[in-house]
């Protein structure tokens, strides 16, 4: 069954938001690495920033993978 226009729009929006979250997590990771190696008195503050950066990164990856799976299911292709 072909997806409706609303479903396609939802998938496109979810994919775009996933990439945004991935970008936010990547920027947070860069800041964490910078603080860890160049600014902080030790690895503690940078490691904390890196730990917080994993949340949007994992959420973004999950959203991107979810849209890929939905697209494949809409095409009626087998998963295995």
PDB file of N, CA and C in Angstrom:
ATOM      1  N   UNK A   1       0.839  -1.160   0.000  1.00  0.00           N
ATOM      2  CA  UNK A   1       0.000   0.000   0.000  1.00  0.00           C
ATOM      3  C   UNK A   1       0.896   1.238   0.000  1.00  0.00           C
ATOM      4  N   UNK A   2       0.648   2.157  -0.867  1.00  0.00           N
ATOM      5  CA  UNK A   2       1.442   3.378  -0.981  1.00  0.00           C
ATOM      6  C   UNK A   2       1.124   4.330   0.166  1.00  0.00           C
ATOM      7  N   UNK A   3       2.147   5.015   0.667  1.00  0.00           N
ATOM      8  CA  UNK A   3       1.900   5.958   1.766  1.00  0.00           C
ATOM      9  C   UNK A   3       1.141   7.190   1.274  1.00  0.00           C
ATOM     10  N   UNK A   4       0.364   7.758   2.166  1.00  0.00           N
ATOM     11  CA  UNK A   4      -0.374   8.969   1.827  1.00  0.00           C
ATOM     12  C   UNK A   4       0.565  10.170   1.900  1.00  0.00           C
ATOM     13  N   UNK A   5       0.078  11.317   1.440  1.00  0.00           N
ATOM     14  CA  UNK A   5       0.900  12.529   1.464  1.00  0.00           C
ATOM     15  C   UNK A   5       1.246  12.932   2.898  1.00  0.00           C
ATOM     16  N   UNK A   6       0.311  12.741   3.815  1.00  0.00           N
ATOM     17  CA  UNK A   6       0.580  13.075   5.212  1.00  0.00           C
ATOM     18  C   UNK A   6       1.671  12.197   5.796  1.00  0.00           C
ATOM     19  N   UNK A   7       1.664  10.911   5.456  1.00  0.00           N
ATOM     20  CA  UNK A   7       2.692  10.003   5.949  1.00  0.00           C
ATOM     21  C   UNK A   7       4.059  10.359   5.375  1.00  0.00           C
ATOM     22  N   UNK A   8       4.095  10.728   4.095  1.00  0.00           N
ATOM     23  CA  UNK A   8       5.373  11.131   3.493  1.00  0.00           C
ATOM     24  C   UNK A   8       5.900  12.396   4.152  1.00  0.00           C
ATOM     25  N   UNK A   9       5.016  13.353   4.408  1.00  0.00           N
ATOM     26  CA  UNK A   9       5.440  14.586   5.074  1.00  0.00           C
ATOM     27  C   UNK A   9       5.946  14.307   6.476  1.00  0.00           C
ATOM     28  N   UNK A  10       5.264  13.421   7.184  1.00  0.00           N
ATOM     29  CA  UNK A  10       5.690  13.062   8.537  1.00  0.00           C
ATOM     30  C   UNK A  10       7.070  12.402   8.508  1.00  0.00           C
ATOM     31  N   UNK A  11       7.282  11.503   7.549  1.00  0.00           N
ATOM     32  CA  UNK A  11       8.574  10.832   7.446  1.00  0.00           C
ATOM     33  C   UNK A  11       9.688  11.809   7.089  1.00  0.00           C
ATOM     34  N   UNK A  12       9.397  12.748   6.192  1.00  0.00           N
ATOM     35  CA  UNK A  12      10.406  13.742   5.826  1.00  0.00           C
ATOM     36  C   UNK A  12      10.747  14.637   7.015  1.00  0.00           C
ATOM     37  N   UNK A  13       9.739  15.020   7.775  1.00  0.00           N
ATOM     38  CA  UNK A  13       9.964  15.858   8.944  1.00  0.00           C
ATOM     39  C   UNK A  13      10.754  15.101  10.011  1.00  0.00           C
ATOM     40  N   UNK A  14      10.424  13.832  10.211  1.00  0.00           N
ATOM     41  CA  UNK A  14      11.135  13.032  11.193  1.00  0.00           C
ATOM     42  C   UNK A  14      12.591  12.830  10.783  1.00  0.00           C
ATOM     43  N   UNK A  15      12.834  12.629   9.496  1.00  0.00           N
ATOM     44  CA  UNK A  15      14.193  12.480   9.005  1.00  0.00           C
ATOM     45  C   UNK A  15      14.984  13.772   9.202  1.00  0.00           C
ATOM     46  N   UNK A  16      14.371  14.906   8.894  1.00  0.00           N
ATOM     47  CA  UNK A  16      15.048  16.192   9.064  1.00  0.00           C
ATOM     48  C   UNK A  16      15.360  16.459  10.535  1.00  0.00           C
ATOM     49  N   UNK A  17      14.422  16.154  11.414  1.00  0.00           N
ATOM     50  CA  UNK A  17      14.664  16.342  12.841  1.00  0.00           C
ATOM     51  C   UNK A  17      15.744  15.397  13.349  1.00  0.00           C
ATOM     52  N   UNK A  18      15.803  14.191  12.802  1.00  0.00           N
ATOM     53  CA  UNK A  18      16.861  13.263  13.178  1.00  0.00           C
ATOM     54  C   UNK A  18      18.236  13.795  12.815  1.00  0.00           C
ATOM     55  N   UNK A  19      18.359  14.370  11.619  1.00  0.00           N
ATOM     56  CA  UNK A  19      19.641  14.946  11.218  1.00  0.00           C
ATOM     57  C   UNK A  19      19.998  16.153  12.075  1.00  0.00           C
ATOM     58  N   UNK A  20      18.990  16.941  12.469  1.00  0.00           N
ATOM     59  CA  UNK A  20      19.249  18.091  13.352  1.00  0.00           C
ATOM     60  C   UNK A  20      19.770  17.627  14.706  1.00  0.00           C
ATOM     61  N   UNK A  21      19.129  16.607  15.264  1.00  0.00           N
ATOM     62  CA  UNK A  21      19.588  16.087  16.548  1.00  0.00           C
ATOM     63  C   UNK A  21      20.994  15.504  16.440  1.00  0.00           C
ATOM     64  N   UNK A  22      21.276  14.839  15.342  1.00  0.00           N
ATOM     65  CA  UNK A  22      22.607  14.286  15.129  1.00  0.00           C
ATOM     66  C   UNK A  22      23.647  15.405  15.061  1.00  0.00           C
ATOM     67  N   UNK A  23      23.309  16.497  14.398  1.00  0.00           N
ATOM     68  CA  UNK A  23      24.207  17.645  14.321  1.00  0.00           C
ATOM     69  C   UNK A  23      24.425  18.268  15.696  1.00  0.00           C
ATOM     70  N   UNK A  24      23.362  18.417  16.474  1.00  0.00           N
ATOM     71  CA  UNK A  24      23.491  18.977  17.821  1.00  0.00           C
ATOM     72  C   UNK A  24      24.398  18.095  18.682  1.00  0.00           C
ATOM     73  N   UNK A  25      24.217  16.786  18.601  1.00  0.00           N
ATOM     74  CA  UNK A  25      25.069  15.866  19.352  1.00  0.00           C
ATOM     75  C   UNK A  25      26.520  15.927  18.909  1.00  0.00           C
ATOM     76  N   UNK A  26      26.744  16.067  17.605  1.00  0.00           N
ATOM     77  CA  UNK A  26      28.113  16.169  17.100  1.00  0.00           C
ATOM     78  C   UNK A  26      28.805  17.442  17.566  1.00  0.00           C
ATOM     79  N   UNK A  27      28.073  18.541  17.571  1.00  0.00           N
ATOM     80  CA  UNK A  27      28.647  19.795  18.055  1.00  0.00           C
ATOM     81  C   UNK A  27      28.953  19.690  19.548  1.00  0.00           C
ATOM     82  N   UNK A  28      28.043  19.075  20.295  1.00  0.00           N
ATOM     83  CA  UNK A  28      28.289  18.871  21.721  1.00  0.00           C
ATOM     84  C   UNK A  28      29.509  17.998  21.963  1.00  0.00           C
ATOM     85  N   UNK A  29      29.692  16.970  21.142  1.00  0.00           N
ATOM     86  CA  UNK A  29      30.856  16.102  21.280  1.00  0.00           C
ATOM     87  C   UNK A  29      32.148  16.857  20.970  1.00  0.00           C
ATOM     88  N   UNK A  30      32.115  17.694  19.943  1.00  0.00           N
ATOM     89  CA  UNK A  30      33.300  18.498  19.636  1.00  0.00           C
ATOM     90  C   UNK A  30      33.654  19.431  20.785  1.00  0.00           C
ATOM     91  N   UNK A  31      32.653  20.063  21.361  1.00  0.00           N
ATOM     92  CA  UNK A  31      32.900  20.940  22.511  1.00  0.00           C
ATOM     93  C   UNK A  31      33.466  20.125  23.680  1.00  0.00           C
ATOM     94  N   UNK A  32      32.914  18.946  23.912  1.00  0.00           N
ATOM     95  CA  UNK A  32      33.411  18.085  24.983  1.00  0.00           C
ATOM     96  C   UNK A  32      34.857  17.677  24.776  1.00  0.00           C
ATOM     97  N   UNK A  33      35.216  17.295  23.541  1.00  0.00           N
ATOM     98  CA  UNK A  33      36.612  16.948  23.263  1.00  0.00           C
ATOM     99  C   UNK A  33      37.528  18.147  23.463  1.00  0.00           C
ATOM    100  N   UNK A  34      37.080  19.305  23.014  1.00  0.00           N
ATOM    101  CA  UNK A  34      37.887  20.512  23.166  1.00  0.00           C
ATOM    102  C   UNK A  34      38.115  20.827  24.644  1.00  0.00           C
ATOM    103  N   UNK A  35      37.057  20.769  25.437  1.00  0.00           N
ATOM    104  CA  UNK A  35      37.187  21.047  26.869  1.00  0.00           C
ATOM    105  C   UNK A  35      38.061  19.991  27.538  1.00  0.00           C
ATOM    106  N   UNK A  36      37.908  18.742  27.143  1.00  0.00           N
ATOM    107  CA  UNK A  36      38.668  17.670  27.774  1.00  0.00           C
ATOM    108  C   UNK A  36      40.171  17.805  27.532  1.00  0.00           C
ATOM    109  N   UNK A  37      40.549  18.153  26.316  1.00  0.00           N
ATOM    110  CA  UNK A  37      41.966  18.136  25.990  1.00  0.00           C
ATOM    111  C   UNK A  37      42.652  19.489  26.080  1.00  0.00           C
ATOM    112  N   UNK A  38      41.939  20.596  25.997  1.00  0.00           N
ATOM    113  CA  UNK A  38      42.609  21.884  25.922  1.00  0.00           C
ATOM    114  C   UNK A  38      42.254  22.858  27.032  1.00  0.00           C
ATOM    115  N   UNK A  39      41.085  22.761  27.628  1.00  0.00           N
ATOM    116  CA  UNK A  39      40.632  23.802  28.545  1.00  0.00           C
ATOM    117  C   UNK A  39      40.591  23.326  29.987  1.00  0.00           C
ATOM    118  N   UNK A  40      39.945  22.229  30.235  1.00  0.00           N
ATOM    119  CA  UNK A  40      39.649  21.800  31.602  1.00  0.00           C
ATOM    120  C   UNK A  40      40.881  21.392  32.389  1.00  0.00           C
ATOM    121  N   UNK A  41      40.741  21.380  33.716  1.00  0.00           N
ATOM    122  CA  UNK A  41      41.843  20.960  34.574  1.00  0.00           C
ATOM    123  C   UNK A  41      42.097  19.454  34.505  1.00  0.00           C
ATOM    124  N   UNK A  42      41.155  18.727  34.003  1.00  0.00           N
ATOM    125  CA  UNK A  42      41.266  17.281  33.853  1.00  0.00           C
ATOM    126  C   UNK A  42      40.205  16.818  32.886  1.00  0.00           C
ATOM    127  N   UNK A  43      40.060  15.515  32.750  1.00  0.00           N
ATOM    128  CA  UNK A  43      39.070  15.017  31.785  1.00  0.00           C
ATOM    129  C   UNK A  43      37.628  15.088  32.279  1.00  0.00           C
ATOM    130  N   UNK A  44      37.381  15.424  33.524  1.00  0.00           N
ATOM    131  CA  UNK A  44      36.036  15.400  34.105  1.00  0.00           C
ATOM    132  C   UNK A  44      35.004  16.264  33.404  1.00  0.00           C
ATOM    133  N   UNK A  45      35.250  17.576  33.270  1.00  0.00           N
ATOM    134  CA  UNK A  45      34.225  18.421  32.626  1.00  0.00           C
ATOM    135  C   UNK A  45      33.971  18.041  31.163  1.00  0.00           C
ATOM    136  N   UNK A  46      35.020  17.723  30.431  1.00  0.00           N
ATOM    137  CA  UNK A  46      34.855  17.329  29.030  1.00  0.00           C
ATOM    138  C   UNK A  46      34.106  16.023  28.896  1.00  0.00           C
ATOM    139  N   UNK A  47      34.394  15.074  29.787  1.00  0.00           N
ATOM    140  CA  UNK A  47      33.698  13.786  29.750  1.00  0.00           C
ATOM    141  C   UNK A  47      32.221  13.959  30.072  1.00  0.00           C
ATOM    142  N   UNK A  48      31.905  14.890  30.961  1.00  0.00           N
ATOM    143  CA  UNK A  48      30.508  15.166  31.287  1.00  0.00           C
ATOM    144  C   UNK A  48      29.771  15.737  30.080  1.00  0.00           C
ATOM    145  N   UNK A  49      30.407  16.669  29.384  1.00  0.00           N
ATOM    146  CA  UNK A  49      29.788  17.239  28.188  1.00  0.00           C
ATOM    147  C   UNK A  49      29.611  16.163  27.123  1.00  0.00           C
ATOM    148  N   UNK A  50      30.613  15.302  26.968  1.00  0.00           N
ATOM    149  CA  UNK A  50      30.490  14.194  26.007  1.00  0.00           C
ATOM    150  C   UNK A  50      29.335  13.271  26.372  1.00  0.00           C
ATOM    151  N   UNK A  51      29.168  13.003  27.649  1.00  0.00           N
ATOM    152  CA  UNK A  51      28.088  12.122  28.080  1.00  0.00           C
ATOM    153  C   UNK A  51      26.730  12.740  27.749  1.00  0.00           C
ATOM    154  N   UNK A  52      26.603  14.048  27.965  1.00  0.00           N
ATOM    155  CA  UNK A  52      25.333  14.705  27.629  1.00  0.00           C
ATOM    156  C   UNK A  52      25.133  14.797  26.117  1.00  0.00           C
ATOM    157  N   UNK A  53      26.194  14.814  25.345  1.00  0.00           N
ATOM    158  CA  UNK A  53      26.080  14.895  23.890  1.00  0.00           C
ATOM    159  C   UNK A  53      25.589  13.580  23.284  1.00  0.00           C
ATOM    160  N   UNK A  54      25.717  12.482  24.017  1.00  0.00           N
ATOM    161  CA  UNK A  54      25.265  11.204  23.466  1.00  0.00           C
ATOM    162  C   UNK A  54      23.745  11.122  23.361  1.00  0.00           C
ATOM    163  N   UNK A  55      23.036  11.851  24.205  1.00  0.00           N
ATOM    164  CA  UNK A  55      21.565  11.768  24.201  1.00  0.00           C
ATOM    165  C   UNK A  55      20.974  12.226  22.863  1.00  0.00           C
ATOM    166  N   UNK A  56      21.279  13.449  22.379  1.00  0.00           N
ATOM    167  CA  UNK A  56      20.702  13.828  21.082  1.00  0.00           C
ATOM    168  C   UNK A  56      21.274  13.011  19.921  1.00  0.00           C
ATOM    169  N   UNK A  57      22.511  12.546  20.066  1.00  0.00           N
ATOM    170  CA  UNK A  57      23.106  11.748  19.000  1.00  0.00           C
ATOM    171  C   UNK A  57      22.349  10.435  18.825  1.00  0.00           C
ATOM    172  N   UNK A  58      22.093   9.737  19.902  1.00  0.00           N
ATOM    173  CA  UNK A  58      21.377   8.463  19.832  1.00  0.00           C
ATOM    174  C   UNK A  58      19.934   8.684  19.385  1.00  0.00           C
ATOM    175  N   UNK A  59      19.299   9.756  19.867  1.00  0.00           N
ATOM    176  CA  UNK A  59      17.925  10.051  19.456  1.00  0.00           C
ATOM    177  C   UNK A  59      17.871  10.346  17.954  1.00  0.00           C
ATOM    178  N   UNK A  60      18.832  11.105  17.449  1.00  0.00           N
ATOM    179  CA  UNK A  60      18.877  11.402  16.018  1.00  0.00           C
ATOM    180  C   UNK A  60      19.086  10.153  15.183  1.00  0.00           C
ATOM    181  N   UNK A  61      20.003   9.299  15.614  1.00  0.00           N
ATOM    182  CA  UNK A  61      20.226   8.040  14.885  1.00  0.00           C
ATOM    183  C   UNK A  61      18.971   7.176  14.881  1.00  0.00           C
ATOM    184  N   UNK A  62      18.275   7.126  16.007  1.00  0.00           N
ATOM    185  CA  UNK A  62      17.053   6.320  16.084  1.00  0.00           C
ATOM    186  C   UNK A  62      15.982   6.850  15.133  1.00  0.00           C
ATOM    187  N   UNK A  63      15.863   8.160  15.045  1.00  0.00           N
ATOM    188  CA  UNK A  63      14.855   8.740  14.148  1.00  0.00           C
ATOM    189  C   UNK A  63      15.202   8.483  12.684  1.00  0.00           C
ATOM    190  N   UNK A  64      16.487   8.588  12.337  1.00  0.00           N
ATOM    191  CA  UNK A  64      16.902   8.347  10.957  1.00  0.00           C
ATOM    192  C   UNK A  64      16.680   6.884  10.576  1.00  0.00           C
ATOM    193  N   UNK A  65      17.064   5.975  11.460  1.00  0.00           N
ATOM    194  CA  UNK A  65      16.864   4.549  11.190  1.00  0.00           C
ATOM    195  C   UNK A  65      15.373   4.227  11.084  1.00  0.00           C
ATOM    196  N   UNK A  66      14.575   4.849  11.924  1.00  0.00           N
ATOM    197  CA  UNK A  66      13.128   4.613  11.888  1.00  0.00           C
ATOM    198  C   UNK A  66      12.536   5.043  10.550  1.00  0.00           C
ATOM    199  N   UNK A  67      12.968   6.184  10.027  1.00  0.00           N
ATOM    200  CA  UNK A  67      12.430   6.616   8.737  1.00  0.00           C
ATOM    201  C   UNK A  67      12.900   5.701   7.611  1.00  0.00           C
ATOM    202  N   UNK A  68      14.122   5.197   7.697  1.00  0.00           N
ATOM    203  CA  UNK A  68      14.603   4.262   6.668  1.00  0.00           C
ATOM    204  C   UNK A  68      13.802   2.971   6.684  1.00  0.00           C
ATOM    205  N   UNK A  69      13.496   2.481   7.880  1.00  0.00           N
ATOM    206  CA  UNK A  69      12.709   1.251   7.996  1.00  0.00           C
ATOM    207  C   UNK A  69      11.294   1.475   7.469  1.00  0.00           C
ATOM    208  N   UNK A  70      10.701   2.629   7.796  1.00  0.00           N
ATOM    209  CA  UNK A  70       9.349   2.930   7.310  1.00  0.00           C
ATOM    210  C   UNK A  70       9.335   3.040   5.787  1.00  0.00           C
ATOM    211  N   UNK A  71      10.364   3.635   5.222  1.00  0.00           N
ATOM    212  CA  UNK A  71      10.434   3.761   3.770  1.00  0.00           C
ATOM    213  C   UNK A  71      10.537   2.382   3.116  1.00  0.00           C
ATOM    214  N   UNK A  72      11.352   1.521   3.693  1.00  0.00           N
ATOM    215  CA  UNK A  72      11.504   0.174   3.139  1.00  0.00           C
ATOM    216  C   UNK A  72      10.209  -0.626   3.270  1.00  0.00           C
ATOM    217  N   UNK A  73       9.502  -0.437   4.369  1.00  0.00           N
ATOM    218  CA  UNK A  73       8.228  -1.141   4.558  1.00  0.00           C
ATOM    219  C   UNK A  73       7.187  -0.639   3.565  1.00  0.00           C
ATOM    220  N   UNK A  74       7.203   0.657   3.262  1.00  0.00           N
ATOM    221  CA  UNK A  74       6.253   1.202   2.294  1.00  0.00           C
ATOM    222  C   UNK A  74       6.505   0.676   0.884  1.00  0.00           C
ATOM    223  N   UNK A  75       7.750   0.315   0.595  1.00  0.00           N
ATOM    224  CA  UNK A  75       8.084  -0.214  -0.731  1.00  0.00           C
ATOM    225  C   UNK A  75       7.791  -1.708  -0.845  1.00  0.00           C
ATOM    226  N   UNK A  76       7.296  -2.326   0.220  1.00  0.00           N
ATOM    227  CA  UNK A  76       6.990  -3.763   0.275  1.00  0.00           C
ATOM    228  C   UNK A  76       8.191  -4.626  -0.048  1.00  0.00           C
ATOM    229  N   UNK A  77       9.362  -4.206   0.402  1.00  0.00           N
ATOM    230  CA  UNK A  77      10.575  -5.023   0.230  1.00  0.00           C
ATOM    231  C   UNK A  77      10.797  -5.859   1.481  1.00  0.00           C
ATOM    232  N   UNK A  78      11.353  -7.047   1.325  1.00  0.00           N
ATOM    233  CA  UNK A  78      11.599  -7.875   2.511  1.00  0.00           C
ATOM    234  C   UNK A  78      12.758  -7.315   3.340  1.00  0.00           C
ATOM    235  N   UNK A  79      12.722  -7.575   4.625  1.00  0.00           N
ATOM    236  CA  UNK A  79      13.761  -7.071   5.518  1.00  0.00           C
ATOM    237  C   UNK A  79      14.920  -8.044   5.645  1.00  0.00           C
ATOM    238  N   UNK A  80      14.688  -9.288   5.373  1.00  0.00           N
ATOM    239  CA  UNK A  80      15.756 -10.272   5.528  1.00  0.00           C
ATOM    240  C   UNK A  80      16.202 -10.815   4.192  1.00  0.00           C
TER     241      UNK A  80
END
